[in-house]
PDB file of all heavy atoms in Angstrom:
ATOM      1  N   GLU A   1      34.429 209.381  87.391  1.00  0.00           N
ATOM      2  CA  GLU A   1      35.151 210.426  88.186  1.00  0.00           C
ATOM      3  C   GLU A   1      34.560 210.397  89.575  1.00  0.00           C
ATOM      4  O   GLU A   1      33.361 210.221  89.780  1.00  0.00           O
ATOM      5  CB  GLU A   1      35.029 211.791  87.594  1.00  0.00           C
ATOM      6  CG  GLU A   1      35.821 212.838  88.339  1.00  0.00           C
ATOM      7  CD  GLU A   1      35.744 214.208  87.668  1.00  0.00           C
ATOM      8  OE1 GLU A   1      34.995 214.356  86.669  1.00  0.00           O
ATOM      9  OE2 GLU A   1      36.427 215.177  88.132  1.00  0.00           O
ATOM     10  N   THR A   2      35.378 210.611  90.578  1.00  0.00           N
ATOM     11  CA  THR A   2      34.929 210.666  91.964  1.00  0.00           C
ATOM     12  C   THR A   2      35.604 211.840  92.678  1.00  0.00           C
ATOM     13  O   THR A   2      36.710 212.291  92.263  1.00  0.00           O
ATOM     14  CB  THR A   2      35.260 209.354  92.693  1.00  0.00           C
ATOM     15  OG1 THR A   2      34.786 209.445  94.053  1.00  0.00           O
ATOM     16  CG2 THR A   2      36.765 209.080  92.736  1.00  0.00           C
ATOM     17  N   LYS A   3      34.954 212.329  93.726  1.00  0.00           N
ATOM     18  CA  LYS A   3      35.520 213.467  94.489  1.00  0.00           C
ATOM     19  C   LYS A   3      36.454 212.990  95.575  1.00  0.00           C
ATOM     20  O   LYS A   3      37.299 213.768  96.064  1.00  0.00           O
ATOM     21  CB  LYS A   3      34.381 214.308  95.051  1.00  0.00           C
ATOM     22  CG  LYS A   3      33.507 214.959  94.000  1.00  0.00           C
ATOM     23  CD  LYS A   3      32.385 215.778  94.658  1.00  0.00           C
ATOM     24  CE  LYS A   3      31.511 216.450  93.627  1.00  0.00           C
ATOM     25  NZ  LYS A   3      30.425 217.212  94.241  1.00  0.00           N
ATOM     26  N   ASP A   4      36.327 211.721  95.948  1.00  0.00           N
ATOM     27  CA  ASP A   4      37.156 211.211  97.021  1.00  0.00           C
ATOM     28  C   ASP A   4      37.615 209.788  96.692  1.00  0.00           C
ATOM     29  O   ASP A   4      36.797 208.842  96.730  1.00  0.00           O
ATOM     30  CB  ASP A   4      36.364 211.240  98.342  1.00  0.00           C
ATOM     31  CG  ASP A   4      37.250 210.935  99.556  1.00  0.00           C
ATOM     32  OD1 ASP A   4      38.325 210.294  99.394  1.00  0.00           O
ATOM     33  OD2 ASP A   4      36.891 211.392 100.685  1.00  0.00           O
ATOM     34  N   LEU A   5      38.843 209.623  96.304  1.00  0.00           N
ATOM     35  CA  LEU A   5      39.375 208.285  95.929  1.00  0.00           C
ATOM     36  C   LEU A   5      39.283 207.315  97.069  1.00  0.00           C
ATOM     37  O   LEU A   5      38.871 206.143  96.862  1.00  0.00           O
ATOM     38  CB  LEU A   5      40.822 208.433  95.442  1.00  0.00           C
ATOM     39  CG  LEU A   5      41.079 209.028  94.063  1.00  0.00           C
ATOM     40  CD1 LEU A   5      42.573 209.071  93.789  1.00  0.00           C
ATOM     41  CD2 LEU A   5      40.441 208.173  92.975  1.00  0.00           C
ATOM     42  N   ASP A   6      39.726 207.721  98.259  1.00  0.00           N
ATOM     43  CA  ASP A   6      39.692 206.823  99.381  1.00  0.00           C
ATOM     44  C   ASP A   6      38.335 206.306  99.753  1.00  0.00           C
ATOM     45  O   ASP A   6      38.124 205.145 100.019  1.00  0.00           O
ATOM     46  CB  ASP A   6      40.366 207.434 100.562  1.00  0.00           C
ATOM     47  CG  ASP A   6      41.898 207.771 100.333  1.00  0.00           C
ATOM     48  OD1 ASP A   6      42.469 207.024  99.499  1.00  0.00           O
ATOM     49  OD2 ASP A   6      42.410 208.715 100.931  1.00  0.00           O
ATOM     50  N   ALA A   7      37.369 207.258  99.776  1.00  0.00           N
ATOM     51  CA  ALA A   7      35.989 206.854 100.131  1.00  0.00           C
ATOM     52  C   ALA A   7      35.424 205.894  99.102  1.00  0.00           C
ATOM     53  O   ALA A   7      34.739 204.907  99.460  1.00  0.00           O
ATOM     54  CB  ALA A   7      35.101 208.124 100.199  1.00  0.00           C
ATOM     55  N   THR A   8      35.710 206.159  97.806  1.00  0.00           N
ATOM     56  CA  THR A   8      35.213 205.206  96.728  1.00  0.00           C
ATOM     57  C   THR A   8      35.842 203.862  96.916  1.00  0.00           C
ATOM     58  O   THR A   8      35.194 202.825  96.739  1.00  0.00           O
ATOM     59  CB  THR A   8      35.505 205.832  95.383  1.00  0.00           C
ATOM     60  OG1 THR A   8      34.892 207.099  95.273  1.00  0.00           O
ATOM     61  CG2 THR A   8      34.971 204.892  94.276  1.00  0.00           C
ATOM     62  N   HIS A   9      37.171 203.830  97.200  1.00  0.00           N
ATOM     63  CA  HIS A   9      37.851 202.504  97.395  1.00  0.00           C
ATOM     64  C   HIS A   9      37.271 201.770  98.569  1.00  0.00           C
ATOM     65  O   HIS A   9      37.093 200.531  98.508  1.00  0.00           O
ATOM     66  CB  HIS A   9      39.344 202.802  97.609  1.00  0.00           C
ATOM     67  CG  HIS A   9      40.136 201.546  97.677  1.00  0.00           C
ATOM     68  ND1 HIS A   9      40.502 200.993  98.861  1.00  0.00           N
ATOM     69  CD2 HIS A   9      40.636 200.744  96.687  1.00  0.00           C
ATOM     70  CE1 HIS A   9      41.214 199.873  98.603  1.00  0.00           C
ATOM     71  NE2 HIS A   9      41.306 199.711  97.299  1.00  0.00           N
ATOM     72  N   VAL A  10      36.959 202.443  99.648  1.00  0.00           N
ATOM     73  CA  VAL A  10      36.332 201.794 100.827  1.00  0.00           C
ATOM     74  C   VAL A  10      34.979 201.222 100.451  1.00  0.00           C
ATOM     75  O   VAL A  10      34.607 200.106 100.868  1.00  0.00           O
ATOM     76  CB  VAL A  10      36.254 202.803 102.002  1.00  0.00           C
ATOM     77  CG1 VAL A  10      35.370 202.198 103.112  1.00  0.00           C
ATOM     78  CG2 VAL A  10      37.629 203.177 102.535  1.00  0.00           C
ATOM     79  N   LYS A  11      34.208 201.987  99.696  1.00  0.00           N
ATOM     80  CA  LYS A  11      32.885 201.529  99.277  1.00  0.00           C
ATOM     81  C   LYS A  11      32.986 200.264  98.413  1.00  0.00           C
ATOM     82  O   LYS A  11      32.212 199.304  98.604  1.00  0.00           O
ATOM     83  CB  LYS A  11      32.190 202.647  98.482  1.00  0.00           C
ATOM     84  CG  LYS A  11      30.832 202.260  97.984  1.00  0.00           C
ATOM     85  CD  LYS A  11      30.195 203.410  97.155  1.00  0.00           C
ATOM     86  CE  LYS A  11      28.878 203.008  96.621  1.00  0.00           C
ATOM     87  NZ  LYS A  11      28.248 204.099  95.829  1.00  0.00           N
ATOM     88  N   ILE A  12      33.966 200.215  97.504  1.00  0.00           N
ATOM     89  CA  ILE A  12      34.186 199.061  96.668  1.00  0.00           C
ATOM     90  C   ILE A  12      34.542 197.848  97.551  1.00  0.00           C
ATOM     91  O   ILE A  12      34.003 196.726  97.375  1.00  0.00           O
ATOM     92  CB  ILE A  12      35.263 199.334  95.624  1.00  0.00           C
ATOM     93  CG1 ILE A  12      34.800 200.367  94.626  1.00  0.00           C
ATOM     94  CG2 ILE A  12      35.680 198.058  94.920  1.00  0.00           C
ATOM     95  CD1 ILE A  12      35.880 200.841  93.680  1.00  0.00           C
ATOM     96  N   GLN A  13      35.429 198.049  98.534  1.00  0.00           N
ATOM     97  CA  GLN A  13      35.844 196.951  99.368  1.00  0.00           C
ATOM     98  C   GLN A  13      34.669 196.407 100.197  1.00  0.00           C
ATOM     99  O   GLN A  13      34.535 195.193 100.377  1.00  0.00           O
ATOM    100  CB  GLN A  13      36.985 197.415 100.302  1.00  0.00           C
ATOM    101  CG  GLN A  13      37.652 196.298 101.067  1.00  0.00           C
ATOM    102  CD  GLN A  13      38.405 195.296 100.158  1.00  0.00           C
ATOM    103  OE1 GLN A  13      39.300 195.687  99.405  1.00  0.00           O
ATOM    104  NE2 GLN A  13      37.936 194.056 100.240  1.00  0.00           N
ATOM    105  N   GLU A  14      33.819 197.315 100.669  1.00  0.00           N
ATOM    106  CA  GLU A  14      32.651 196.864 101.490  1.00  0.00           C
ATOM    107  C   GLU A  14      31.726 196.070 100.587  1.00  0.00           C
ATOM    108  O   GLU A  14      31.142 195.055 101.068  1.00  0.00           O
ATOM    109  CB  GLU A  14      31.962 198.119 102.035  1.00  0.00           C
ATOM    110  CG  GLU A  14      32.758 198.785 103.158  1.00  0.00           C
ATOM    111  CD  GLU A  14      32.045 200.062 103.658  1.00  0.00           C
ATOM    112  OE1 GLU A  14      31.088 200.484 103.003  1.00  0.00           O
ATOM    113  OE2 GLU A  14      32.496 200.603 104.702  1.00  0.00           O
ATOM    114  N   LEU A  15      31.473 196.491  99.369  1.00  0.00           N
ATOM    115  CA  LEU A  15      30.599 195.772  98.454  1.00  0.00           C
ATOM    116  C   LEU A  15      31.150 194.399  98.174  1.00  0.00           C
ATOM    117  O   LEU A  15      30.405 193.411  98.090  1.00  0.00           O
ATOM    118  CB  LEU A  15      30.385 196.559  97.165  1.00  0.00           C
ATOM    119  CG  LEU A  15      29.271 197.587  97.127  1.00  0.00           C
ATOM    120  CD1 LEU A  15      29.292 198.372  95.857  1.00  0.00           C
ATOM    121  CD2 LEU A  15      27.915 196.913  97.266  1.00  0.00           C
ATOM    122  N   VAL A  16      32.440 194.345  97.890  1.00  0.00           N
ATOM    123  CA  VAL A  16      33.071 193.047  97.598  1.00  0.00           C
ATOM    124  C   VAL A  16      32.935 192.101  98.770  1.00  0.00           C
ATOM    125  O   VAL A  16      32.568 190.871  98.588  1.00  0.00           O
ATOM    126  CB  VAL A  16      34.591 193.245  97.270  1.00  0.00           C
ATOM    127  CG1 VAL A  16      35.322 191.910  97.207  1.00  0.00           C
ATOM    128  CG2 VAL A  16      34.736 194.022  95.932  1.00  0.00           C
ATOM    129  N   ASN A  17      33.180 192.547  99.973  1.00  0.00           N
ATOM    130  CA  ASN A  17      33.026 191.687 101.154  1.00  0.00           C
ATOM    131  C   ASN A  17      31.544 191.272 101.366  1.00  0.00           C
ATOM    132  O   ASN A  17      31.276 190.098 101.699  1.00  0.00           O
ATOM    133  CB  ASN A  17      33.520 192.405 102.413  1.00  0.00           C
ATOM    134  CG  ASN A  17      35.031 192.666 102.337  1.00  0.00           C
ATOM    135  OD1 ASN A  17      35.748 191.946 101.672  1.00  0.00           O
ATOM    136  ND2 ASN A  17      35.491 193.657 103.040  1.00  0.00           N
ATOM    137  N   GLN A  18      30.666 192.177 101.122  1.00  0.00           N
ATOM    138  CA  GLN A  18      29.231 191.883 101.277  1.00  0.00           C
ATOM    139  C   GLN A  18      28.718 190.855 100.331  1.00  0.00           C
ATOM    140  O   GLN A  18      27.884 190.004 100.667  1.00  0.00           O
ATOM    141  CB  GLN A  18      28.442 193.203 101.164  1.00  0.00           C
ATOM    142  CG  GLN A  18      26.902 193.031 101.256  1.00  0.00           C
ATOM    143  CD  GLN A  18      26.196 194.333 101.045  1.00  0.00           C
ATOM    144  OE1 GLN A  18      26.769 195.443 101.021  1.00  0.00           O
ATOM    145  NE2 GLN A  18      24.857 194.258 100.849  1.00  0.00           N
ATOM    146  N   LEU A  19      29.236 190.861  99.101  1.00  0.00           N
ATOM    147  CA  LEU A  19      28.822 189.995  98.024  1.00  0.00           C
ATOM    148  C   LEU A  19      29.693 188.773  97.865  1.00  0.00           C
ATOM    149  O   LEU A  19      29.727 188.095  96.834  1.00  0.00           O
ATOM    150  CB  LEU A  19      28.705 190.788  96.728  1.00  0.00           C
ATOM    151  CG  LEU A  19      27.686 191.955  96.703  1.00  0.00           C
ATOM    152  CD1 LEU A  19      27.775 192.697  95.366  1.00  0.00           C
ATOM    153  CD2 LEU A  19      26.291 191.421  96.952  1.00  0.00           C
ATOM    154  N   LYS A  20      30.572 188.516  98.870  1.00  0.00           N
ATOM    155  CA  LYS A  20      31.414 187.340  98.954  1.00  0.00           C
ATOM    156  C   LYS A  20      32.373 187.227  97.779  1.00  0.00           C
ATOM    157  O   LYS A  20      32.528 186.136  97.171  1.00  0.00           O
ATOM    158  CB  LYS A  20      30.528 186.090  99.029  1.00  0.00           C
ATOM    159  CG  LYS A  20      29.628 186.106 100.267  1.00  0.00           C
ATOM    160  CD  LYS A  20      28.729 184.871 100.308  1.00  0.00           C
ATOM    161  CE  LYS A  20      27.830 184.934 101.515  1.00  0.00           C
ATOM    162  NZ  LYS A  20      26.923 183.764 101.610  1.00  0.00           N
ATOM    163  N   GLY A  21      32.970 188.329  97.411  1.00  0.00           N
ATOM    164  CA  GLY A  21      34.012 188.327  96.340  1.00  0.00           C
ATOM    165  C   GLY A  21      35.383 188.634  96.921  1.00  0.00           C
ATOM    166  O   GLY A  21      35.600 188.576  98.132  1.00  0.00           O
ATOM    167  N   TYR A  22      36.317 188.946  96.052  1.00  0.00           N
ATOM    168  CA  TYR A  22      37.646 189.341  96.479  1.00  0.00           C
ATOM    169  C   TYR A  22      38.282 190.288  95.447  1.00  0.00           C
ATOM    170  O   TYR A  22      37.882 190.301  94.288  1.00  0.00           O
ATOM    171  CB  TYR A  22      38.540 188.116  96.715  1.00  0.00           C
ATOM    172  CG  TYR A  22      38.869 187.314  95.450  1.00  0.00           C
ATOM    173  CD1 TYR A  22      39.977 187.568  94.672  1.00  0.00           C
ATOM    174  CD2 TYR A  22      37.988 186.319  94.980  1.00  0.00           C
ATOM    175  CE1 TYR A  22      40.296 186.847  93.537  1.00  0.00           C
ATOM    176  CE2 TYR A  22      38.275 185.566  93.875  1.00  0.00           C
ATOM    177  CZ  TYR A  22      39.429 185.875  93.148  1.00  0.00           C
ATOM    178  OH  TYR A  22      39.718 185.190  92.002  1.00  0.00           O
ATOM    179  N   VAL A  23      39.268 191.035  95.953  1.00  0.00           N
ATOM    180  CA  VAL A  23      39.987 191.958  95.046  1.00  0.00           C
ATOM    181  C   VAL A  23      41.155 191.206  94.410  1.00  0.00           C
ATOM    182  O   VAL A  23      42.023 190.713  95.127  1.00  0.00           O
ATOM    183  CB  VAL A  23      40.498 193.221  95.856  1.00  0.00           C
ATOM    184  CG1 VAL A  23      41.331 194.106  94.907  1.00  0.00           C
ATOM    185  CG2 VAL A  23      39.329 193.965  96.415  1.00  0.00           C
ATOM    186  N   GLN A  24      41.118 191.122  93.088  1.00  0.00           N
ATOM    187  CA  GLN A  24      42.202 190.414  92.376  1.00  0.00           C
ATOM    188  C   GLN A  24      43.399 191.330  92.088  1.00  0.00           C
ATOM    189  O   GLN A  24      44.536 190.903  92.103  1.00  0.00           O
ATOM    190  CB  GLN A  24      41.656 189.881  91.069  1.00  0.00           C
ATOM    191  CG  GLN A  24      42.674 189.069  90.256  1.00  0.00           C
ATOM    192  CD  GLN A  24      42.085 188.486  89.017  1.00  0.00           C
ATOM    193  OE1 GLN A  24      40.835 188.542  88.744  1.00  0.00           O
ATOM    194  NE2 GLN A  24      42.914 187.910  88.164  1.00  0.00           N
ATOM    195  N   ASP A  25      43.170 192.591  91.789  1.00  0.00           N
ATOM    196  CA  ASP A  25      44.204 193.514  91.443  1.00  0.00           C
ATOM    197  C   ASP A  25      43.828 194.871  91.935  1.00  0.00           C
ATOM    198  O   ASP A  25      42.683 195.323  91.854  1.00  0.00           O
ATOM    199  CB  ASP A  25      44.399 193.495  89.922  1.00  0.00           C
ATOM    200  CG  ASP A  25      45.732 194.118  89.513  1.00  0.00           C
ATOM    201  OD1 ASP A  25      46.588 194.303  90.389  1.00  0.00           O
ATOM    202  OD2 ASP A  25      45.921 194.397  88.321  1.00  0.00           O
ATOM    203  N   ASP A  26      44.874 195.646  92.408  1.00  0.00           N
ATOM    204  CA  ASP A  26      44.609 197.000  92.931  1.00  0.00           C
ATOM    205  C   ASP A  26      45.829 197.885  92.625  1.00  0.00           C
ATOM    206  O   ASP A  26      46.909 197.619  93.161  1.00  0.00           O
ATOM    207  CB  ASP A  26      44.334 196.924  94.452  1.00  0.00           C
ATOM    208  CG  ASP A  26      43.823 198.272  95.003  1.00  0.00           C
ATOM    209  OD1 ASP A  26      43.903 199.274  94.283  1.00  0.00           O
ATOM    210  OD2 ASP A  26      43.277 198.229  96.133  1.00  0.00           O
ATOM    211  N   LYS A  27      45.647 198.852  91.762  1.00  0.00           N
ATOM    212  CA  LYS A  27      46.732 199.746  91.389  1.00  0.00           C
ATOM    213  C   LYS A  27      46.335 201.216  91.534  1.00  0.00           C
ATOM    214  O   LYS A  27      45.159 201.581  91.307  1.00  0.00           O
ATOM    215  CB  LYS A  27      47.173 199.496  89.943  1.00  0.00           C
ATOM    216  CG  LYS A  27      47.654 198.076  89.664  1.00  0.00           C
ATOM    217  CD  LYS A  27      47.987 197.876  88.184  1.00  0.00           C
ATOM    218  CE  LYS A  27      48.484 196.480  87.885  1.00  0.00           C
ATOM    219  NZ  LYS A  27      48.742 196.244  86.490  1.00  0.00           N
ATOM    220  N   SER A  28      47.291 202.056  91.845  1.00  0.00           N
ATOM    221  CA  SER A  28      47.005 203.512  91.923  1.00  0.00           C
ATOM    222  C   SER A  28      48.140 204.268  91.308  1.00  0.00           C
ATOM    223  O   SER A  28      49.256 203.792  91.206  1.00  0.00           O
ATOM    224  CB  SER A  28      46.808 203.935  93.422  1.00  0.00           C
ATOM    225  OG  SER A  28      47.991 203.628  94.155  1.00  0.00           O
ATOM    226  N   GLY A  29      47.839 205.532  90.868  1.00  0.00           N
ATOM    227  CA  GLY A  29      48.904 206.322  90.242  1.00  0.00           C
ATOM    228  C   GLY A  29      48.440 207.728  90.026  1.00  0.00           C
ATOM    229  O   GLY A  29      47.378 208.169  90.461  1.00  0.00           O
ATOM    230  N   LYS A  30      49.343 208.486  89.387  1.00  0.00           N
ATOM    231  CA  LYS A  30      49.113 209.924  89.171  1.00  0.00           C
ATOM    232  C   LYS A  30      49.660 210.320  87.820  1.00  0.00           C
ATOM    233  O   LYS A  30      50.759 209.848  87.378  1.00  0.00           O
ATOM    234  CB  LYS A  30      49.802 210.754  90.288  1.00  0.00           C
ATOM    235  CG  LYS A  30      49.676 212.245  90.134  1.00  0.00           C
ATOM    236  CD  LYS A  30      50.449 212.952  91.262  1.00  0.00           C
ATOM    237  CE  LYS A  30      50.333 214.466  91.099  1.00  0.00           C
ATOM    238  NZ  LYS A  30      51.082 215.193  92.195  1.00  0.00           N
ATOM    239  N   ASN A  31      48.931 211.130  87.102  1.00  0.00           N
ATOM    240  CA  ASN A  31      49.462 211.722  85.903  1.00  0.00           C
ATOM    241  C   ASN A  31      49.273 213.246  85.944  1.00  0.00           C
ATOM    242  O   ASN A  31      48.972 213.797  87.006  1.00  0.00           O
ATOM    243  CB  ASN A  31      48.792 211.099  84.628  1.00  0.00           C
ATOM    244  CG  ASN A  31      47.268 211.230  84.691  1.00  0.00           C
ATOM    245  OD1 ASN A  31      46.720 212.157  85.296  1.00  0.00           O
ATOM    246  ND2 ASN A  31      46.588 210.272  84.103  1.00  0.00           N
ATOM    247  N   TYR A  32      49.416 213.891  84.792  1.00  0.00           N
ATOM    248  CA  TYR A  32      49.383 215.370  84.791  1.00  0.00           C
ATOM    249  C   TYR A  32      48.067 215.931  85.286  1.00  0.00           C
ATOM    250  O   TYR A  32      48.010 217.002  85.891  1.00  0.00           O
ATOM    251  CB  TYR A  32      49.718 215.861  83.383  1.00  0.00           C
ATOM    252  CG  TYR A  32      49.667 217.382  83.234  1.00  0.00           C
ATOM    253  CD1 TYR A  32      50.651 218.159  83.854  1.00  0.00           C
ATOM    254  CD2 TYR A  32      48.630 218.011  82.549  1.00  0.00           C
ATOM    255  CE1 TYR A  32      50.605 219.552  83.703  1.00  0.00           C
ATOM    256  CE2 TYR A  32      48.611 219.409  82.423  1.00  0.00           C
ATOM    257  CZ  TYR A  32      49.582 220.185  83.034  1.00  0.00           C
ATOM    258  OH  TYR A  32      49.565 221.509  82.882  1.00  0.00           O
ATOM    259  N   GLN A  33      46.968 215.262  84.964  1.00  0.00           N
ATOM    260  CA  GLN A  33      45.640 215.829  85.253  1.00  0.00           C
ATOM    261  C   GLN A  33      44.877 215.087  86.302  1.00  0.00           C
ATOM    262  O   GLN A  33      43.870 215.588  86.767  1.00  0.00           O
ATOM    263  CB  GLN A  33      44.797 215.843  83.969  1.00  0.00           C
ATOM    264  CG  GLN A  33      45.370 216.801  82.921  1.00  0.00           C
ATOM    265  CD  GLN A  33      44.518 216.785  81.681  1.00  0.00           C
ATOM    266  OE1 GLN A  33      43.716 215.911  81.468  1.00  0.00           O
ATOM    267  NE2 GLN A  33      44.694 217.798  80.838  1.00  0.00           N
ATOM    268  N   GLN A  34      45.309 213.867  86.693  1.00  0.00           N
ATOM    269  CA  GLN A  34      44.464 213.024  87.529  1.00  0.00           C
ATOM    270  C   GLN A  34      45.245 212.266  88.620  1.00  0.00           C
ATOM    271  O   GLN A  34      46.431 211.993  88.429  1.00  0.00           O
ATOM    272  CB  GLN A  34      43.740 212.003  86.643  1.00  0.00           C
ATOM    273  CG  GLN A  34      42.806 212.528  85.610  1.00  0.00           C
ATOM    274  CD  GLN A  34      42.248 211.421  84.735  1.00  0.00           C
ATOM    275  OE1 GLN A  34      42.732 210.330  84.758  1.00  0.00           O
ATOM    276  NE2 GLN A  34      41.226 211.726  83.963  1.00  0.00           N
ATOM    277  N   LEU A  35      44.549 211.971  89.653  1.00  0.00           N
ATOM    278  CA  LEU A  35      44.915 210.904  90.582  1.00  0.00           C
ATOM    279  C   LEU A  35      43.929 209.767  90.266  1.00  0.00           C
ATOM    280  O   LEU A  35      42.720 210.004  90.245  1.00  0.00           O
ATOM    281  CB  LEU A  35      44.766 211.361  92.019  1.00  0.00           C
ATOM    282  CG  LEU A  35      45.725 212.497  92.480  1.00  0.00           C
ATOM    283  CD1 LEU A  35      45.321 212.923  93.906  1.00  0.00           C
ATOM    284  CD2 LEU A  35      47.157 211.992  92.443  1.00  0.00           C
ATOM    285  N   TYR A  36      44.430 208.580  90.078  1.00  0.00           N
ATOM    286  CA  TYR A  36      43.506 207.467  89.652  1.00  0.00           C
ATOM    287  C   TYR A  36      43.798 206.188  90.389  1.00  0.00           C
ATOM    288  O   TYR A  36      44.847 206.024  91.088  1.00  0.00           O
ATOM    289  CB  TYR A  36      43.663 207.239  88.187  1.00  0.00           C
ATOM    290  CG  TYR A  36      45.043 206.749  87.725  1.00  0.00           C
ATOM    291  CD1 TYR A  36      45.357 205.391  87.740  1.00  0.00           C
ATOM    292  CD2 TYR A  36      46.014 207.612  87.361  1.00  0.00           C
ATOM    293  CE1 TYR A  36      46.571 204.884  87.383  1.00  0.00           C
ATOM    294  CE2 TYR A  36      47.300 207.176  86.960  1.00  0.00           C
ATOM    295  CZ  TYR A  36      47.567 205.806  86.984  1.00  0.00           C
ATOM    296  OH  TYR A  36      48.796 205.345  86.609  1.00  0.00           O
ATOM    297  N   ARG A  37      42.876 205.257  90.274  1.00  0.00           N
ATOM    298  CA  ARG A  37      43.029 203.936  90.922  1.00  0.00           C
ATOM    299  C   ARG A  37      42.279 202.922  90.032  1.00  0.00           C
ATOM    300  O   ARG A  37      41.211 203.201  89.523  1.00  0.00           O
ATOM    301  CB  ARG A  37      42.423 203.930  92.316  1.00  0.00           C
ATOM    302  CG  ARG A  37      42.863 202.788  93.185  1.00  0.00           C
ATOM    303  CD  ARG A  37      42.792 203.142  94.629  1.00  0.00           C
ATOM    304  NE  ARG A  37      43.486 202.128  95.442  1.00  0.00           N
ATOM    305  CZ  ARG A  37      43.800 202.293  96.710  1.00  0.00           C
ATOM    306  NH1 ARG A  37      43.473 203.441  97.314  1.00  0.00           N
ATOM    307  NH2 ARG A  37      44.367 201.328  97.414  1.00  0.00           N
TER     308      ARG A  37
END
């Protein structure tokens, strides 16, 4: 769980770039109780 989805997503992207990787898949959505990614 995170308090800020966008901030967590930015952190992930920065780590991926720093460690010379890439994002293979990226999905987001909403259900009754959550916003998720």
